[in-house]
Amino acid sequence: MQQIQLQTLPYETVSHNTAIQKKVILRTDSLPHLTHFAQAYFEPGQVAESHIHADMNEVFFVLSGCGEIWIEQTRHPLIPGACIVVEAGESHEVRNSGGELLVLSYFGIVTPPTLHDSKIDSLID
């Protein structure tokens, strides 16, 4: 059993944009297949630039604020209560296009190797 209090966790930076703050609730060694479980705080105008995770599905849940996520060059709105699943190999970019703080909870799950890994590897290289 684990119990973590969000308010006691330190702020860290998001690797895709070090100006964006996050709190990491669970890390890779916390549960099998979980890469992370975190909460990110995007100020208006902040963007986590487009990137791909070759071996991880990522799930985003919007707690407050609004913005957009671009997945494979298609825009999807981020509004409170929205849940977005980004599959391994899909390029994605998150941006706060609103006028207030965008708060997202998100986690990653490791995916097993697939036949598409060589295609994904060529996109990342």
Protein backbone atom coordinates (compact mmCIF):
# COMPACT_ATOMS: atom_id res chain seq x y z
CA MET A 1 0.00 0.00 0.00
CA GLN A 2 1.22 3.47 -0.87
CA GLN A 3 -0.23 6.83 0.06
CA ILE A 4 1.08 10.05 -1.43
CA GLN A 5 -0.14 13.58 -0.71
CA LEU A 6 0.09 15.86 -3.75
CA GLN A 7 0.60 18.97 -1.62
CA THR A 8 3.79 17.52 -0.10
CA LEU A 9 5.48 16.75 -3.43
CA PRO A 10 8.07 19.13 -4.89
CA TYR A 11 7.61 20.85 -8.24
CA GLU A 12 9.75 19.55 -11.09
CA THR A 13 10.06 20.57 -14.73
CA VAL A 14 8.55 18.82 -17.73
CA SER A 15 11.23 17.38 -20.03
CA HIS A 16 9.53 18.69 -23.20
CA ASN A 17 9.51 22.29 -21.88
CA THR A 18 11.41 23.13 -18.70
CA ALA A 19 9.21 26.20 -18.06
CA ILE A 20 6.23 23.89 -17.38
CA GLN A 21 5.91 22.64 -13.81
CA LYS A 22 4.75 19.20 -12.68
CA LYS A 23 4.50 17.04 -9.58
CA VAL A 24 5.38 13.37 -10.01
CA ILE A 25 3.03 11.26 -7.90
CA LEU A 26 4.31 7.80 -8.92
CA ARG A 27 7.51 6.85 -10.74
CA THR A 28 8.65 3.91 -12.87
CA ASP A 29 9.42 1.63 -9.94
CA SER A 30 6.05 2.23 -8.20
CA LEU A 31 3.89 -0.23 -10.18
CA PRO A 32 4.50 -2.75 -12.97
CA HIS A 33 4.17 -1.23 -16.48
CA LEU A 34 3.65 2.30 -15.13
CA THR A 35 6.23 4.81 -16.35
CA HIS A 36 4.87 7.75 -14.35
CA PHE A 37 1.77 9.33 -12.86
CA ALA A 38 1.99 13.09 -12.57
CA GLN A 39 0.15 16.38 -12.57
CA ALA A 40 1.29 19.19 -14.89
CA TYR A 41 0.58 22.91 -14.69
CA PHE A 42 0.62 24.82 -17.99
CA GLU A 43 0.50 28.61 -17.80
CA PRO A 44 -1.36 30.37 -20.65
CA GLY A 45 0.61 30.03 -23.88
CA GLN A 46 2.90 27.25 -22.66
CA VAL A 47 3.51 24.31 -25.01
CA ALA A 48 5.01 20.84 -24.52
CA GLU A 49 6.47 20.52 -28.03
CA SER A 50 5.58 17.64 -30.33
CA HIS A 51 7.21 14.35 -29.39
CA ILE A 52 6.76 10.57 -29.66
CA HIS A 53 7.03 7.80 -27.08
CA ALA A 54 7.98 4.60 -28.90
CA ASP A 55 7.21 2.22 -26.04
CA MET A 56 4.56 3.99 -23.95
CA ASN A 57 0.86 4.82 -24.12
CA GLU A 58 0.07 8.09 -22.34
CA VAL A 59 -3.27 9.11 -20.81
CA PHE A 60 -4.18 12.73 -20.05
CA PHE A 61 -7.08 13.89 -17.87
CA VAL A 62 -8.00 17.58 -17.72
CA LEU A 63 -8.73 18.85 -14.20
CA SER A 64 -9.05 22.56 -14.95
CA GLY A 65 -8.37 25.18 -17.60
CA CYS A 66 -8.54 24.58 -21.31
CA GLY A 67 -6.17 23.98 -24.14
CA GLU A 68 -5.53 21.59 -26.97
CA ILE A 69 -3.58 18.47 -27.75
CA TRP A 70 -2.39 17.78 -31.28
CA ILE A 71 -2.13 14.07 -32.05
CA GLU A 72 -0.74 13.14 -35.45
CA GLN A 73 -1.44 16.72 -36.65
CA THR A 74 -5.11 16.60 -35.58
CA ARG A 75 -6.33 19.06 -32.95
CA HIS A 76 -8.34 17.80 -29.96
CA PRO A 77 -9.77 20.22 -27.37
CA LEU A 78 -8.74 19.91 -23.74
CA ILE A 79 -11.57 20.91 -21.41
CA PRO A 80 -12.27 19.87 -17.80
CA GLY A 81 -13.31 16.23 -17.64
CA ALA A 82 -11.74 15.28 -20.99
CA CYS A 83 -9.65 12.12 -21.10
CA ILE A 84 -7.27 11.66 -24.02
CA VAL A 85 -5.31 8.49 -24.81
CA VAL A 86 -2.15 8.83 -26.92
CA GLU A 87 -0.90 5.50 -28.21
CA ALA A 88 2.76 4.55 -28.50
CA GLY A 89 4.24 5.96 -31.70
CA GLU A 90 1.74 8.83 -32.05
CA SER A 91 3.25 12.31 -32.18
CA HIS A 92 1.60 14.66 -29.73
CA GLU A 93 1.88 18.24 -28.52
CA VAL A 94 0.04 19.82 -25.57
CA ARG A 95 -0.65 23.53 -25.38
CA ASN A 96 -2.52 25.88 -23.09
CA SER A 97 -4.52 27.99 -25.54
CA GLY A 98 -6.72 29.44 -22.79
CA GLY A 99 -6.36 32.36 -20.44
CA GLU A 100 -5.96 30.45 -17.17
CA LEU A 101 -3.82 27.66 -15.74
CA LEU A 102 -4.30 24.28 -17.49
CA VAL A 103 -3.98 21.41 -15.00
CA LEU A 104 -3.56 17.87 -16.34
CA SER A 105 -3.14 14.57 -14.54
CA TYR A 106 -1.38 12.06 -16.76
CA PHE A 107 0.26 8.66 -16.70
CA GLY A 108 2.21 6.38 -19.00
CA ILE A 109 2.00 2.63 -19.47
CA VAL A 110 4.79 0.64 -21.10
CA THR A 111 3.71 -1.19 -24.24
CA PRO A 112 5.17 -4.50 -25.38
CA PRO A 113 7.33 -4.52 -28.53
CA THR A 114 5.29 -4.75 -31.73
CA LEU A 115 5.81 -5.23 -35.43
CA HIS A 116 5.64 -1.44 -35.80
CA ASP A 117 8.73 -0.79 -33.65
CA SER A 118 11.03 -0.37 -36.67
CA LYS A 119 8.66 2.27 -38.09
CA ILE A 120 8.57 4.08 -34.76
CA ASP A 121 12.35 3.90 -34.40
CA SER A 122 12.78 5.50 -37.82
CA LEU A 123 10.47 8.40 -36.77
CA ILE A 124 12.50 9.08 -33.63
CA ASP A 125 15.95 8.90 -35.22
